[in-house]
Structure formats: C-alpha cells, structure tokens
Amino acid sequence: MITEQELNLLIDLAKLVKKYGVETFEALEKSISSPETTQRLSHILMQVSTTSRKIPKIKGDTKSKQDHSIPKALMSLKGVDPEKYQIISYFHNNLLSKTVLPSLRDIKEFATDNGLPEVHAKSRQKAISPLISSLIKLPNDQIITKIQSLKNYRTSDRSLEGWSNLILNRQ
C-alpha cells in the first residue's frame, strides 16, 4: 500500500514531468538504467537522507504568518475594543480577498474621498495597513458609514459597470 508521503512525491514528480517535458524524463530513464548511474543516484539519495536527519526541523507557526498579514494596530485593538476590532477585521478580510477596493487606485481614492490620510504606497498590499490604521482612529459609527459608502464607490463611473452603463445609455 502506498503511503501519503509517497503519493505526494508522485504528485510532485508529475508536476515536474509537466514542467520539463516527457522527453527529458525519458532521457533520464535511459541514463538511470545503467548500473553506474543507479549506484551513484543511490549514493546521492543516501547522503541527502542522512544530511536531512542531522538538520533540525523548524516548523513554521501558521498563526504567526497570519499575524504578519494583520496590521499591528488591528491586533492591539482586539482586546481593547472588540466591537471595533470585529468591524475593521471584517473589512480587512474583504480587502485581502479583493472583494472591496480591488486595486491600489481604489484604496487611494477611497481614503481621499472619505477624508482619511493619503495613502503613500506603491503596491496594493502595502496600502492596506495604512488604510486600516487610519480607520482605527475613527469612532465606530464613522467607520461603518465609510465602509457602507463602498457600495456606491464600487459602482462609480470609473468601474466597468459605470462604463457599460455610459456606453449603453443606461441610468
């Protein structure tokens, strides 16, 4: 019976076939068939397994990776003001999934249109944290109002829907 790790190895090999092509694998199969190459390959695999046993495994904490994507200001808010944390966290998740403000331009315009400090970022990912930090400073009712204004913001004249309405003369 095949183990899960062996199955994962086969999947990785299949991905490599797709990457390098069938011809490369066929050529490799011919060269591996020789006894000298088989012996050499066996020696290399033995060295790799011996070396990997000596190197301590460091497992990455997935929680710490998630914390890096969440702005520090939002994390500190969790214990202080849970209601505000919940509102902004929901908005933050929508930003990360690009369900709202899908481009850097959208984020910058949202900040400007809502009287928030200007976002000086060169990428959308780097613009999220300053936007969240500026929203945290506002009272909950203002945050909700600004987030609810996104419905109108997403269908602005610059959006695809706005352009199609203009072209098709719809109101």
C-alpha atoms as a PDB file:
ATOM      1  CA  MET A   1       0.000   0.000   0.000  1.00  0.00           C
ATOM      2  CA  ILE A   2       1.281   3.466  -0.890  1.00  0.00           C
ATOM      3  CA  THR A   3       1.748   5.990   1.918  1.00  0.00           C
ATOM      4  CA  GLU A   4       0.604   9.596   1.810  1.00  0.00           C
ATOM      5  CA  GLN A   5       4.186  10.857   1.548  1.00  0.00           C
ATOM      6  CA  GLU A   6       4.888   8.532  -1.372  1.00  0.00           C
ATOM      7  CA  LEU A   7       1.719   9.754  -3.059  1.00  0.00           C
ATOM      8  CA  ASN A   8       2.811  13.375  -2.542  1.00  0.00           C
ATOM      9  CA  LEU A   9       6.188  12.512  -4.092  1.00  0.00           C
ATOM     10  CA  LEU A  10       4.425  11.023  -7.124  1.00  0.00           C
ATOM     11  CA  ILE A  11       2.323  14.178  -7.455  1.00  0.00           C
ATOM     12  CA  ASP A  12       5.472  16.310  -7.316  1.00  0.00           C
ATOM     13  CA  LEU A  13       7.067  14.102  -9.980  1.00  0.00           C
ATOM     14  CA  ALA A  14       4.000  14.513 -12.187  1.00  0.00           C
ATOM     15  CA  LYS A  15       4.341  18.287 -11.829  1.00  0.00           C
ATOM     16  CA  LEU A  16       7.992  18.013 -12.837  1.00  0.00           C
ATOM     17  CA  VAL A  17       7.017  15.988 -15.934  1.00  0.00           C
ATOM     18  CA  LYS A  18       4.708  18.805 -16.899  1.00  0.00           C
ATOM     19  CA  LYS A  19       7.453  21.383 -16.245  1.00  0.00           C
ATOM     20  CA  TYR A  20      10.363  19.650 -18.024  1.00  0.00           C
ATOM     21  CA  GLY A  21       8.516  17.570 -20.602  1.00  0.00           C
ATOM     22  CA  VAL A  22       8.154  13.857 -21.272  1.00  0.00           C
ATOM     23  CA  GLU A  23      11.287  13.723 -23.456  1.00  0.00           C
ATOM     24  CA  THR A  24      13.503  14.867 -20.571  1.00  0.00           C
ATOM     25  CA  PHE A  25      12.083  12.169 -18.315  1.00  0.00           C
ATOM     26  CA  GLU A  26      12.536   9.515 -20.978  1.00  0.00           C
ATOM     27  CA  ALA A  27      16.167  10.546 -21.430  1.00  0.00           C
ATOM     28  CA  LEU A  28      16.632  10.450 -17.659  1.00  0.00           C
ATOM     29  CA  GLU A  29      15.068   6.984 -17.517  1.00  0.00           C
ATOM     30  CA  LYS A  30      17.575   5.719 -20.093  1.00  0.00           C
ATOM     31  CA  SER A  31      20.525   7.172 -18.201  1.00  0.00           C
ATOM     32  CA  ILE A  32      19.281   5.840 -14.847  1.00  0.00           C
ATOM     33  CA  SER A  33      19.038   2.336 -16.319  1.00  0.00           C
ATOM     34  CA  SER A  34      22.819   1.967 -16.344  1.00  0.00           C
ATOM     35  CA  PRO A  35      24.244   0.266 -13.202  1.00  0.00           C
ATOM     36  CA  GLU A  36      26.812   3.024 -12.622  1.00  0.00           C
ATOM     37  CA  THR A  37      24.169   5.765 -12.622  1.00  0.00           C
ATOM     38  CA  THR A  38      21.885   3.709 -10.388  1.00  0.00           C
ATOM     39  CA  GLN A  39      24.714   3.217  -7.900  1.00  0.00           C
ATOM     40  CA  ARG A  40      25.617   6.923  -7.997  1.00  0.00           C
ATOM     41  CA  LEU A  41      21.984   8.014  -7.608  1.00  0.00           C
ATOM     42  CA  SER A  42      21.542   5.625  -4.697  1.00  0.00           C
ATOM     43  CA  HIS A  43      24.625   7.139  -3.027  1.00  0.00           C
ATOM     44  CA  ILE A  44      23.311  10.700  -3.530  1.00  0.00           C
ATOM     45  CA  LEU A  45      19.893   9.809  -2.106  1.00  0.00           C
ATOM     46  CA  MET A  46      21.558   8.188   0.912  1.00  0.00           C
ATOM     47  CA  GLN A  47      23.631  11.334   1.531  1.00  0.00           C
ATOM     48  CA  VAL A  48      20.568  13.568   1.247  1.00  0.00           C
ATOM     49  CA  SER A  49      18.570  11.466   3.709  1.00  0.00           C
ATOM     50  CA  THR A  50      21.496  11.314   6.160  1.00  0.00           C
ATOM     51  CA  THR A  51      22.046  15.073   5.957  1.00  0.00           C
ATOM     52  CA  SER A  52      18.356  15.885   6.364  1.00  0.00           C
ATOM     53  CA  ARG A  53      18.217  13.781   9.540  1.00  0.00           C
ATOM     54  CA  LYS A  54      21.060  15.820  11.035  1.00  0.00           C
ATOM     55  CA  ILE A  55      19.436  19.194  10.296  1.00  0.00           C
ATOM     56  CA  PRO A  56      16.788  20.050  12.909  1.00  0.00           C
ATOM     57  CA  LYS A  57      13.332  20.639  11.526  1.00  0.00           C
ATOM     58  CA  ILE A  58      11.829  24.052  12.220  1.00  0.00           C
ATOM     59  CA  LYS A  59       8.116  24.080  11.768  1.00  0.00           C
ATOM     60  CA  GLY A  60       6.685  27.457  10.838  1.00  0.00           C
ATOM     61  CA  ASP A  61       3.891  28.637  13.056  1.00  0.00           C
ATOM     62  CA  THR A  62       0.956  29.318  10.740  1.00  0.00           C
ATOM     63  CA  LYS A  63      -0.582  31.633  13.313  1.00  0.00           C
ATOM     64  CA  SER A  64       2.462  33.899  13.264  1.00  0.00           C
ATOM     65  CA  LYS A  65       2.293  34.031   9.448  1.00  0.00           C
ATOM     66  CA  GLN A  66      -1.318  35.156   9.668  1.00  0.00           C
ATOM     67  CA  ASP A  67      -0.420  37.763  12.276  1.00  0.00           C
ATOM     68  CA  HIS A  68       2.081  39.332   9.872  1.00  0.00           C
ATOM     69  CA  SER A  69      -0.705  39.988   7.372  1.00  0.00           C
ATOM     70  CA  ILE A  70      -2.841  41.653  10.053  1.00  0.00           C
ATOM     71  CA  PRO A  71      -1.714  45.189  10.899  1.00  0.00           C
ATOM     72  CA  LYS A  72      -0.328  45.582  14.428  1.00  0.00           C
ATOM     73  CA  ALA A  73      -2.810  48.352  15.184  1.00  0.00           C
ATOM     74  CA  LEU A  74      -5.677  45.969  14.438  1.00  0.00           C
ATOM     75  CA  MET A  75      -4.206  43.198  16.590  1.00  0.00           C
ATOM     76  CA  SER A  76      -3.787  45.570  19.548  1.00  0.00           C
ATOM     77  CA  LEU A  77      -7.423  46.607  19.160  1.00  0.00           C
ATOM     78  CA  LYS A  78      -8.655  43.040  19.683  1.00  0.00           C
ATOM     79  CA  GLY A  79      -8.568  43.139  23.480  1.00  0.00           C
ATOM     80  CA  VAL A  80      -9.316  46.862  23.897  1.00  0.00           C
ATOM     81  CA  ASP A  81     -12.385  47.356  21.680  1.00  0.00           C
ATOM     82  CA  PRO A  82     -13.794  44.031  20.415  1.00  0.00           C
ATOM     83  CA  GLU A  83     -16.682  45.679  18.527  1.00  0.00           C
ATOM     84  CA  LYS A  84     -14.367  47.948  16.528  1.00  0.00           C
ATOM     85  CA  TYR A  85     -11.984  45.032  16.024  1.00  0.00           C
ATOM     86  CA  GLN A  86     -14.800  42.936  14.553  1.00  0.00           C
ATOM     87  CA  ILE A  87     -15.921  45.710  12.172  1.00  0.00           C
ATOM     88  CA  ILE A  88     -12.432  46.514  10.915  1.00  0.00           C
ATOM     89  CA  SER A  89     -11.337  42.886  10.838  1.00  0.00           C
ATOM     90  CA  TYR A  90     -14.267  42.036   8.555  1.00  0.00           C
ATOM     91  CA  PHE A  91     -13.330  44.971   6.308  1.00  0.00           C
ATOM     92  CA  HIS A  92      -9.663  43.907   6.384  1.00  0.00           C
ATOM     93  CA  ASN A  93     -10.558  40.363   5.295  1.00  0.00           C
ATOM     94  CA  ASN A  94     -12.611  41.788   2.421  1.00  0.00           C
ATOM     95  CA  LEU A  95      -9.634  43.932   1.410  1.00  0.00           C
ATOM     96  CA  LEU A  96      -7.315  40.911   1.447  1.00  0.00           C
ATOM     97  CA  SER A  97      -9.726  38.878  -0.673  1.00  0.00           C
ATOM     98  CA  LYS A  98     -10.187  41.874  -3.016  1.00  0.00           C
ATOM     99  CA  THR A  99     -13.960  41.829  -2.630  1.00  0.00           C
ATOM    100  CA  VAL A 100     -13.728  45.545  -1.890  1.00  0.00           C
ATOM    101  CA  LEU A 101     -11.292  48.081  -3.312  1.00  0.00           C
ATOM    102  CA  PRO A 102      -9.633  45.610  -5.675  1.00  0.00           C
ATOM    103  CA  SER A 103      -6.884  47.957  -6.880  1.00  0.00           C
ATOM    104  CA  LEU A 104      -4.331  50.316  -5.362  1.00  0.00           C
ATOM    105  CA  ARG A 105      -6.062  53.192  -7.099  1.00  0.00           C
ATOM    106  CA  ASP A 106      -9.362  52.208  -5.435  1.00  0.00           C
ATOM    107  CA  ILE A 107      -7.757  52.222  -1.995  1.00  0.00           C
ATOM    108  CA  LYS A 108      -6.140  55.614  -2.557  1.00  0.00           C
ATOM    109  CA  GLU A 109      -9.376  57.127  -3.888  1.00  0.00           C
ATOM    110  CA  PHE A 110     -11.391  55.650  -1.010  1.00  0.00           C
ATOM    111  CA  ALA A 111      -9.021  57.234   1.509  1.00  0.00           C
ATOM    112  CA  THR A 112      -9.119  60.611  -0.251  1.00  0.00           C
ATOM    113  CA  ASP A 113     -12.896  60.583  -0.785  1.00  0.00           C
ATOM    114  CA  ASN A 114     -13.533  59.779   2.877  1.00  0.00           C
ATOM    115  CA  GLY A 115     -11.204  62.378   4.370  1.00  0.00           C
ATOM    116  CA  LEU A 116      -8.646  59.826   5.521  1.00  0.00           C
ATOM    117  CA  PRO A 117      -4.910  60.490   5.334  1.00  0.00           C
ATOM    118  CA  GLU A 118      -3.459  59.996   1.874  1.00  0.00           C
ATOM    119  CA  VAL A 119      -2.078  56.508   1.293  1.00  0.00           C
ATOM    120  CA  HIS A 120       1.511  56.624   0.013  1.00  0.00           C
ATOM    121  CA  ALA A 121       2.136  53.047  -1.088  1.00  0.00           C
ATOM    122  CA  LYS A 122       3.490  51.549  -4.280  1.00  0.00           C
ATOM    123  CA  SER A 123       1.535  48.301  -4.051  1.00  0.00           C
ATOM    124  CA  ARG A 124      -1.995  47.391  -3.038  1.00  0.00           C
ATOM    125  CA  GLN A 125      -0.743  45.006  -0.353  1.00  0.00           C
ATOM    126  CA  LYS A 126       1.328  47.746   1.285  1.00  0.00           C
ATOM    127  CA  ALA A 127      -1.589  50.199   1.133  1.00  0.00           C
ATOM    128  CA  ILE A 128      -3.915  48.042   3.245  1.00  0.00           C
ATOM    129  CA  SER A 129      -2.137  48.537   6.567  1.00  0.00           C
ATOM    130  CA  PRO A 130      -2.095  52.378   6.468  1.00  0.00           C
ATOM    131  CA  LEU A 131      -5.742  52.410   5.444  1.00  0.00           C
ATOM    132  CA  ILE A 132      -6.700  50.140   8.347  1.00  0.00           C
ATOM    133  CA  SER A 133      -4.595  52.216  10.752  1.00  0.00           C
ATOM    134  CA  SER A 134      -6.368  55.412   9.721  1.00  0.00           C
ATOM    135  CA  LEU A 135      -9.800  53.784  10.093  1.00  0.00           C
ATOM    136  CA  ILE A 136      -8.970  52.550  13.604  1.00  0.00           C
ATOM    137  CA  LYS A 137      -8.630  56.147  14.811  1.00  0.00           C
ATOM    138  CA  LEU A 138     -12.271  56.877  13.925  1.00  0.00           C
ATOM    139  CA  PRO A 139     -15.383  56.206  16.043  1.00  0.00           C
ATOM    140  CA  ASN A 140     -17.330  53.041  15.199  1.00  0.00           C
ATOM    141  CA  ASP A 141     -20.284  54.849  13.603  1.00  0.00           C
ATOM    142  CA  GLN A 142     -17.983  56.764  11.221  1.00  0.00           C
ATOM    143  CA  ILE A 143     -16.177  53.557  10.281  1.00  0.00           C
ATOM    144  CA  ILE A 144     -19.487  51.858   9.487  1.00  0.00           C
ATOM    145  CA  THR A 145     -20.626  54.847   7.408  1.00  0.00           C
ATOM    146  CA  LYS A 146     -17.399  54.896   5.409  1.00  0.00           C
ATOM    147  CA  ILE A 147     -17.485  51.144   4.803  1.00  0.00           C
ATOM    148  CA  GLN A 148     -21.146  51.305   3.764  1.00  0.00           C
ATOM    149  CA  SER A 149     -20.253  54.038   1.269  1.00  0.00           C
ATOM    150  CA  LEU A 150     -18.283  51.376  -0.598  1.00  0.00           C
ATOM    151  CA  LYS A 151     -21.484  50.174  -2.274  1.00  0.00           C
ATOM    152  CA  ASN A 152     -21.696  53.491  -4.108  1.00  0.00           C
ATOM    153  CA  TYR A 153     -17.944  53.665  -4.523  1.00  0.00           C
ATOM    154  CA  ARG A 154     -17.649  50.303  -6.275  1.00  0.00           C
ATOM    155  CA  THR A 155     -20.122  51.321  -8.961  1.00  0.00           C
ATOM    156  CA  SER A 156     -18.517  54.683  -9.680  1.00  0.00           C
ATOM    157  CA  ASP A 157     -18.263  55.978 -13.223  1.00  0.00           C
ATOM    158  CA  ARG A 158     -14.740  54.548 -13.464  1.00  0.00           C
ATOM    159  CA  SER A 159     -15.855  50.987 -12.785  1.00  0.00           C
ATOM    160  CA  LEU A 160     -16.643  48.518 -15.541  1.00  0.00           C
ATOM    161  CA  GLU A 161     -20.344  48.762 -14.671  1.00  0.00           C
ATOM    162  CA  GLY A 162     -20.166  52.552 -14.840  1.00  0.00           C
ATOM    163  CA  TRP A 163     -18.591  52.446 -18.294  1.00  0.00           C
ATOM    164  CA  SER A 164     -21.058  49.874 -19.606  1.00  0.00           C
ATOM    165  CA  ASN A 165     -23.978  51.995 -18.348  1.00  0.00           C
ATOM    166  CA  LEU A 166     -22.492  55.043 -20.063  1.00  0.00           C
ATOM    167  CA  ILE A 167     -21.968  53.174 -23.352  1.00  0.00           C
ATOM    168  CA  LEU A 168     -25.413  51.606 -23.314  1.00  0.00           C
ATOM    169  CA  ASN A 169     -27.044  54.919 -22.232  1.00  0.00           C
ATOM    170  CA  ARG A 170     -28.492  53.451 -19.068  1.00  0.00           C
ATOM    171  CA  GLN A 171     -29.148  55.407 -15.904  1.00  0.00           C
END
